[in-house]
N, C-alpha and C. Protein backbone atom coordinates (compact mmCIF):
# COMPACT_ATOMS: atom_id res chain seq x y z
N UNK A 1 0.85 -1.19 0.00
CA UNK A 1 0.00 0.00 0.00
C UNK A 1 0.89 1.25 0.00
N UNK A 2 0.51 2.23 -0.81
CA UNK A 2 1.31 3.45 -0.94
C UNK A 2 0.97 4.42 0.19
N UNK A 3 1.99 5.06 0.73
CA UNK A 3 1.74 6.03 1.80
C UNK A 3 1.09 7.29 1.24
N UNK A 4 0.47 8.06 2.13
CA UNK A 4 -0.17 9.32 1.73
C UNK A 4 0.87 10.30 1.17
N UNK A 5 2.09 10.29 1.74
CA UNK A 5 3.12 11.21 1.29
C UNK A 5 3.46 10.92 -0.17
N UNK A 6 3.68 9.67 -0.50
CA UNK A 6 3.97 9.32 -1.89
C UNK A 6 2.77 9.62 -2.78
N UNK A 7 1.58 9.34 -2.30
CA UNK A 7 0.41 9.53 -3.15
C UNK A 7 0.12 11.00 -3.43
N UNK A 8 0.39 11.90 -2.48
CA UNK A 8 0.17 13.33 -2.73
C UNK A 8 1.10 13.81 -3.84
N UNK A 9 2.34 13.43 -3.76
CA UNK A 9 3.33 13.79 -4.77
C UNK A 9 2.98 13.13 -6.10
N UNK A 10 2.66 11.85 -6.05
CA UNK A 10 2.33 11.11 -7.27
C UNK A 10 1.08 11.68 -7.93
N UNK A 11 0.07 12.01 -7.13
CA UNK A 11 -1.17 12.55 -7.69
C UNK A 11 -0.91 13.87 -8.40
N UNK A 12 -0.12 14.74 -7.78
CA UNK A 12 0.20 16.03 -8.38
C UNK A 12 0.80 15.85 -9.77
N UNK A 13 1.82 15.00 -9.88
CA UNK A 13 2.50 14.81 -11.16
C UNK A 13 1.64 14.02 -12.16
N UNK A 14 0.84 13.10 -11.67
CA UNK A 14 -0.05 12.35 -12.55
C UNK A 14 -1.04 13.30 -13.24
N UNK A 15 -1.64 14.19 -12.47
CA UNK A 15 -2.59 15.15 -13.06
C UNK A 15 -1.87 16.16 -13.95
N UNK A 16 -0.69 16.59 -13.54
CA UNK A 16 0.09 17.52 -14.36
C UNK A 16 0.40 16.88 -15.72
N UNK A 17 0.66 15.59 -15.74
CA UNK A 17 0.93 14.90 -17.01
C UNK A 17 -0.30 14.86 -17.90
N UNK A 18 -1.49 15.10 -17.32
CA UNK A 18 -2.74 15.17 -18.08
C UNK A 18 -3.15 16.62 -18.34
N UNK A 19 -2.18 17.54 -18.16
CA UNK A 19 -2.40 18.98 -18.35
C UNK A 19 -3.39 19.58 -17.37
N UNK A 20 -3.42 19.03 -16.16
CA UNK A 20 -4.30 19.54 -15.10
C UNK A 20 -3.42 19.97 -13.93
N UNK A 21 -3.53 21.25 -13.56
CA UNK A 21 -2.79 21.78 -12.41
C UNK A 21 -3.76 21.97 -11.26
N UNK A 22 -3.55 21.20 -10.20
CA UNK A 22 -4.36 21.31 -8.99
C UNK A 22 -3.44 21.33 -7.80
N UNK A 23 -3.88 22.04 -6.75
CA UNK A 23 -3.13 22.09 -5.50
C UNK A 23 -4.10 21.84 -4.35
N UNK A 24 -3.59 21.39 -3.21
CA UNK A 24 -4.46 21.13 -2.08
C UNK A 24 -5.00 22.42 -1.45
N UNK A 25 -6.27 22.35 -1.06
CA UNK A 25 -6.93 23.42 -0.31
C UNK A 25 -7.49 22.77 0.96
N UNK A 26 -7.26 23.40 2.09
CA UNK A 26 -7.71 22.86 3.36
C UNK A 26 -9.22 23.09 3.54
N UNK A 27 -9.92 22.02 3.88
CA UNK A 27 -11.35 22.12 4.13
C UNK A 27 -11.68 22.73 5.48
N UNK A 28 -10.69 22.86 6.35
CA UNK A 28 -10.90 23.46 7.68
C UNK A 28 -10.62 24.96 7.68
N UNK A 29 -9.39 25.34 7.31
CA UNK A 29 -9.03 26.77 7.37
C UNK A 29 -9.20 27.48 6.03
N UNK A 30 -9.42 26.71 4.94
CA UNK A 30 -9.68 27.31 3.63
C UNK A 30 -8.45 27.78 2.88
N UNK A 31 -7.25 27.50 3.39
CA UNK A 31 -6.04 27.98 2.74
C UNK A 31 -5.50 26.94 1.75
N UNK A 32 -4.95 27.46 0.65
CA UNK A 32 -4.25 26.64 -0.32
C UNK A 32 -2.82 26.46 0.13
N UNK A 33 -2.20 25.36 -0.28
CA UNK A 33 -0.76 25.21 -0.02
C UNK A 33 -0.09 24.48 -1.17
N UNK A 34 1.19 24.70 -1.28
CA UNK A 34 2.02 24.03 -2.27
C UNK A 34 3.40 23.92 -1.65
N UNK A 35 4.01 22.88 -1.74
CA UNK A 35 3.97 21.63 -2.42
C UNK A 35 2.96 20.72 -1.72
N UNK A 36 2.35 19.80 -2.46
CA UNK A 36 1.35 18.91 -1.86
C UNK A 36 1.86 18.18 -0.62
N UNK A 37 1.04 18.20 0.40
CA UNK A 37 1.34 17.51 1.66
C UNK A 37 0.10 16.74 2.10
N UNK A 38 0.25 15.91 3.10
CA UNK A 38 -0.89 15.14 3.59
C UNK A 38 -1.61 15.85 4.73
N UNK A 39 -0.98 16.88 5.29
CA UNK A 39 -1.60 17.69 6.34
C UNK A 39 -1.49 19.16 5.95
N UNK A 40 -2.48 19.94 6.33
CA UNK A 40 -2.44 21.38 6.08
C UNK A 40 -1.28 21.97 6.91
N UNK A 41 -0.38 22.70 6.26
CA UNK A 41 0.75 23.29 7.01
C UNK A 41 0.32 24.46 7.90
N UNK A 42 -0.92 24.93 7.76
CA UNK A 42 -1.40 26.07 8.55
C UNK A 42 -2.15 25.63 9.80
N UNK A 43 -2.98 24.57 9.67
CA UNK A 43 -3.79 24.18 10.83
C UNK A 43 -3.66 22.70 11.20
N UNK A 44 -2.95 21.93 10.39
CA UNK A 44 -2.72 20.53 10.70
C UNK A 44 -3.84 19.58 10.29
N UNK A 45 -4.87 20.08 9.64
CA UNK A 45 -6.00 19.25 9.24
C UNK A 45 -5.62 18.27 8.13
N UNK A 46 -6.27 17.10 8.14
CA UNK A 46 -6.13 16.13 7.07
C UNK A 46 -7.21 16.33 6.01
N UNK A 47 -8.13 17.26 6.24
CA UNK A 47 -9.27 17.51 5.35
C UNK A 47 -8.83 18.40 4.18
N UNK A 48 -8.21 17.77 3.19
CA UNK A 48 -7.68 18.50 2.04
C UNK A 48 -8.43 18.11 0.77
N UNK A 49 -8.70 19.09 -0.08
CA UNK A 49 -9.33 18.85 -1.36
C UNK A 49 -8.40 19.38 -2.45
N UNK A 50 -8.24 18.60 -3.52
CA UNK A 50 -7.47 19.05 -4.67
C UNK A 50 -8.33 20.03 -5.44
N UNK A 51 -7.78 21.20 -5.71
CA UNK A 51 -8.54 22.29 -6.34
C UNK A 51 -7.69 22.94 -7.42
N UNK A 52 -8.33 23.26 -8.54
CA UNK A 52 -7.64 23.96 -9.62
C UNK A 52 -7.57 25.44 -9.30
N UNK A 53 -6.37 26.00 -9.15
CA UNK A 53 -6.26 27.44 -8.94
C UNK A 53 -6.57 28.17 -10.24
N UNK A 54 -6.70 29.49 -10.18
CA UNK A 54 -7.01 30.27 -11.37
C UNK A 54 -5.93 30.17 -12.44
N UNK A 55 -4.71 29.91 -12.00
CA UNK A 55 -3.58 29.88 -12.93
C UNK A 55 -2.90 31.23 -13.06
N UNK A 56 -3.52 32.27 -12.47
CA UNK A 56 -2.91 33.60 -12.51
C UNK A 56 -1.95 33.76 -11.34
N UNK A 57 -0.84 34.45 -11.62
CA UNK A 57 0.19 34.59 -10.61
C UNK A 57 1.03 35.83 -10.90
N UNK A 58 1.94 36.12 -9.97
CA UNK A 58 2.84 37.26 -10.08
C UNK A 58 4.25 36.82 -9.71
N UNK A 59 5.24 37.33 -10.43
CA UNK A 59 6.63 37.04 -10.10
C UNK A 59 6.95 37.76 -8.79
N UNK A 60 7.31 37.00 -7.77
CA UNK A 60 7.63 37.55 -6.46
C UNK A 60 9.12 37.88 -6.35
N UNK A 61 9.95 37.03 -6.98
CA UNK A 61 11.39 37.21 -6.97
C UNK A 61 11.95 36.48 -8.18
N UNK A 62 13.08 36.93 -8.69
CA UNK A 62 13.65 36.27 -9.86
C UNK A 62 15.15 36.50 -9.95
N UNK A 63 15.82 35.59 -10.60
CA UNK A 63 17.24 35.75 -10.90
C UNK A 63 17.52 35.12 -12.26
N UNK A 64 18.53 35.60 -12.92
CA UNK A 64 18.94 35.03 -14.20
C UNK A 64 20.19 34.19 -13.98
N UNK A 65 20.13 32.96 -14.42
CA UNK A 65 21.27 32.06 -14.34
C UNK A 65 22.01 32.14 -15.68
N UNK A 66 23.28 32.49 -15.62
CA UNK A 66 24.09 32.65 -16.82
C UNK A 66 24.88 31.37 -17.06
N UNK A 67 24.70 30.81 -18.27
CA UNK A 67 25.44 29.60 -18.63
C UNK A 67 25.93 29.72 -20.06
N UNK A 68 26.97 29.01 -20.36
CA UNK A 68 27.51 29.03 -21.72
C UNK A 68 26.47 28.50 -22.71
N UNK A 69 25.66 27.53 -22.28
CA UNK A 69 24.63 26.95 -23.15
C UNK A 69 23.44 27.87 -23.35
N UNK A 70 23.34 28.91 -22.56
CA UNK A 70 22.23 29.85 -22.65
C UNK A 70 21.71 30.22 -21.27
N UNK A 71 21.25 31.43 -21.14
CA UNK A 71 20.73 31.93 -19.87
C UNK A 71 19.30 31.47 -19.66
N UNK A 72 18.90 31.37 -18.39
CA UNK A 72 17.51 31.09 -18.04
C UNK A 72 17.22 31.75 -16.71
N UNK A 73 15.94 31.90 -16.41
CA UNK A 73 15.55 32.52 -15.15
C UNK A 73 15.05 31.47 -14.18
N UNK A 74 15.23 31.74 -12.91
CA UNK A 74 14.63 30.96 -11.83
C UNK A 74 13.82 31.97 -11.04
N UNK A 75 12.52 31.68 -10.90
CA UNK A 75 11.64 32.67 -10.29
C UNK A 75 10.81 32.07 -9.17
N UNK A 76 10.58 32.87 -8.15
CA UNK A 76 9.62 32.53 -7.10
C UNK A 76 8.32 33.17 -7.53
N UNK A 77 7.30 32.34 -7.75
CA UNK A 77 6.02 32.79 -8.28
C UNK A 77 4.97 32.70 -7.19
N UNK A 78 4.19 33.76 -7.05
CA UNK A 78 3.11 33.77 -6.07
C UNK A 78 1.77 33.61 -6.79
N UNK A 79 1.10 32.49 -6.52
CA UNK A 79 -0.21 32.25 -7.11
C UNK A 79 -1.23 33.22 -6.51
N UNK A 80 -2.29 33.55 -7.26
CA UNK A 80 -3.36 34.40 -6.73
C UNK A 80 -3.92 33.86 -5.42
N UNK A 81 -3.92 32.54 -5.28
CA UNK A 81 -4.48 31.90 -4.10
C UNK A 81 -3.55 31.97 -2.89
N UNK A 82 -2.31 32.46 -3.09
CA UNK A 82 -1.41 32.65 -1.97
C UNK A 82 -0.12 31.86 -1.97
N UNK A 83 -0.13 30.57 -2.32
CA UNK A 83 1.13 29.83 -2.27
C UNK A 83 2.18 30.37 -3.23
N UNK A 84 3.43 30.20 -2.84
CA UNK A 84 4.56 30.56 -3.70
C UNK A 84 5.28 29.29 -4.10
N UNK A 85 5.77 29.27 -5.35
CA UNK A 85 6.50 28.11 -5.81
C UNK A 85 7.64 28.52 -6.73
N UNK A 86 8.68 27.71 -6.74
CA UNK A 86 9.82 27.95 -7.61
C UNK A 86 9.51 27.40 -9.00
N UNK A 87 9.84 28.17 -10.02
CA UNK A 87 9.62 27.76 -11.39
C UNK A 87 10.46 28.66 -12.28
N UNK A 88 9.99 28.83 -13.50
CA UNK A 88 10.64 29.78 -14.41
C UNK A 88 9.58 30.37 -15.31
N UNK A 89 9.92 31.51 -15.93
CA UNK A 89 9.02 32.16 -16.87
C UNK A 89 9.56 31.88 -18.26
N UNK A 90 8.72 31.31 -19.11
CA UNK A 90 9.09 30.92 -20.46
C UNK A 90 8.56 31.94 -21.46
N UNK A 91 9.14 31.93 -22.66
CA UNK A 91 8.61 32.73 -23.75
C UNK A 91 9.12 34.16 -23.84
N UNK A 92 9.93 34.57 -22.88
CA UNK A 92 10.55 35.89 -22.94
C UNK A 92 12.01 35.76 -22.52
N UNK A 93 12.80 36.74 -22.88
CA UNK A 93 14.21 36.75 -22.50
C UNK A 93 14.32 36.73 -20.98
N UNK A 94 15.24 35.95 -20.42
CA UNK A 94 15.37 35.89 -18.95
C UNK A 94 15.57 37.26 -18.30
N UNK A 95 16.23 38.18 -18.99
CA UNK A 95 16.45 39.51 -18.42
C UNK A 95 15.19 40.37 -18.42
N UNK A 96 14.13 39.95 -19.11
CA UNK A 96 12.87 40.68 -19.13
C UNK A 96 11.95 40.28 -17.97
N UNK A 97 12.28 39.21 -17.28
CA UNK A 97 11.47 38.77 -16.15
C UNK A 97 11.73 39.71 -14.99
N UNK A 98 10.68 40.32 -14.48
CA UNK A 98 10.79 41.32 -13.41
C UNK A 98 9.85 41.00 -12.26
N UNK A 99 10.21 41.43 -11.08
CA UNK A 99 9.32 41.33 -9.93
C UNK A 99 8.04 42.10 -10.26
N UNK A 100 6.91 41.49 -9.98
CA UNK A 100 5.62 42.12 -10.26
C UNK A 100 5.04 41.74 -11.61
N UNK A 101 5.80 41.04 -12.46
CA UNK A 101 5.31 40.61 -13.76
C UNK A 101 4.11 39.68 -13.58
N UNK A 102 3.03 39.96 -14.30
CA UNK A 102 1.81 39.14 -14.25
C UNK A 102 2.00 37.95 -15.19
N UNK A 103 1.82 36.75 -14.65
CA UNK A 103 2.04 35.53 -15.41
C UNK A 103 0.87 34.57 -15.25
N UNK A 104 0.91 33.51 -16.04
CA UNK A 104 -0.12 32.47 -16.00
C UNK A 104 0.57 31.12 -16.14
N UNK A 105 -0.04 30.10 -15.54
CA UNK A 105 0.53 28.76 -15.60
C UNK A 105 0.55 28.21 -17.02
N UNK A 106 1.53 27.36 -17.26
CA UNK A 106 1.64 26.64 -18.52
C UNK A 106 2.34 25.32 -18.20
N UNK A 107 1.80 24.23 -18.69
CA UNK A 107 2.37 22.92 -18.41
C UNK A 107 3.16 22.44 -19.62
N UNK A 108 4.43 22.15 -19.39
CA UNK A 108 5.27 21.58 -20.44
C UNK A 108 5.26 20.06 -20.28
N UNK A 109 5.04 19.36 -21.37
CA UNK A 109 5.14 17.89 -21.35
C UNK A 109 6.51 17.54 -21.92
N UNK A 110 7.39 17.12 -21.02
CA UNK A 110 8.76 16.80 -21.42
C UNK A 110 8.98 15.29 -21.37
N UNK A 111 10.04 14.86 -22.01
CA UNK A 111 10.36 13.44 -22.02
C UNK A 111 10.54 12.88 -20.61
N UNK A 112 11.11 13.69 -19.72
CA UNK A 112 11.36 13.23 -18.35
C UNK A 112 10.21 13.54 -17.40
N UNK A 113 9.08 13.98 -17.93
CA UNK A 113 7.89 14.24 -17.12
C UNK A 113 7.39 15.66 -17.27
N UNK A 114 6.20 15.91 -16.75
CA UNK A 114 5.61 17.24 -16.88
C UNK A 114 6.31 18.27 -16.00
N UNK A 115 6.24 19.53 -16.44
CA UNK A 115 6.86 20.61 -15.68
C UNK A 115 5.95 21.83 -15.73
N UNK A 116 5.66 22.38 -14.55
CA UNK A 116 4.85 23.59 -14.47
C UNK A 116 5.75 24.80 -14.61
N UNK A 117 5.49 25.62 -15.63
CA UNK A 117 6.21 26.87 -15.84
C UNK A 117 5.17 27.98 -15.96
N UNK A 118 5.64 29.19 -16.18
CA UNK A 118 4.75 30.33 -16.31
C UNK A 118 5.10 31.11 -17.56
N UNK A 119 4.12 31.81 -18.11
CA UNK A 119 4.31 32.68 -19.26
C UNK A 119 3.63 34.01 -18.95
N UNK A 120 4.08 35.08 -19.63
CA UNK A 120 3.43 36.38 -19.46
C UNK A 120 1.95 36.22 -19.81
N UNK A 121 1.09 36.89 -19.10
CA UNK A 121 -0.35 36.73 -19.33
C UNK A 121 -0.75 37.04 -20.76
N UNK A 122 -0.18 38.06 -21.39
CA UNK A 122 -0.60 38.40 -22.75
C UNK A 122 -0.09 37.39 -23.77
N UNK A 123 0.79 36.46 -23.36
CA UNK A 123 1.29 35.45 -24.29
C UNK A 123 0.42 34.19 -24.31
N UNK A 124 -0.70 34.21 -23.64
CA UNK A 124 -1.61 33.07 -23.59
C UNK A 124 -2.88 33.38 -24.35
N UNK A 125 -3.31 32.44 -25.17
CA UNK A 125 -4.60 32.58 -25.85
C UNK A 125 -5.69 32.20 -24.87
N UNK A 126 -6.78 32.93 -24.88
CA UNK A 126 -7.88 32.63 -23.93
C UNK A 126 -8.91 31.76 -24.58
């Protein structure tokens, strides 16, 4: 039997591989959290529901990693629902990524598994 810890992580990536981004929301205190856990990090409740966030977010912090193969950004992204997560902003030059930039989720399907990244809001078709 699989533990809850493995299943929370596995469920997140399984749904992401189906182009579905969901995060846990506590049924007791109503707060969202990320990375998926088996207990609410705010109140300790086990009453968690997987919920699709709006997908809208803001760059909270960012840095550009310089490499000979090409530069890329690493950004701390704050979802509208509150949680912050590490990712990157795709589709624009790494030096154009700024604190306060409005972004939206985008799921990349890669050979080694799905990856949640972000793109500028105006770069997404509605």
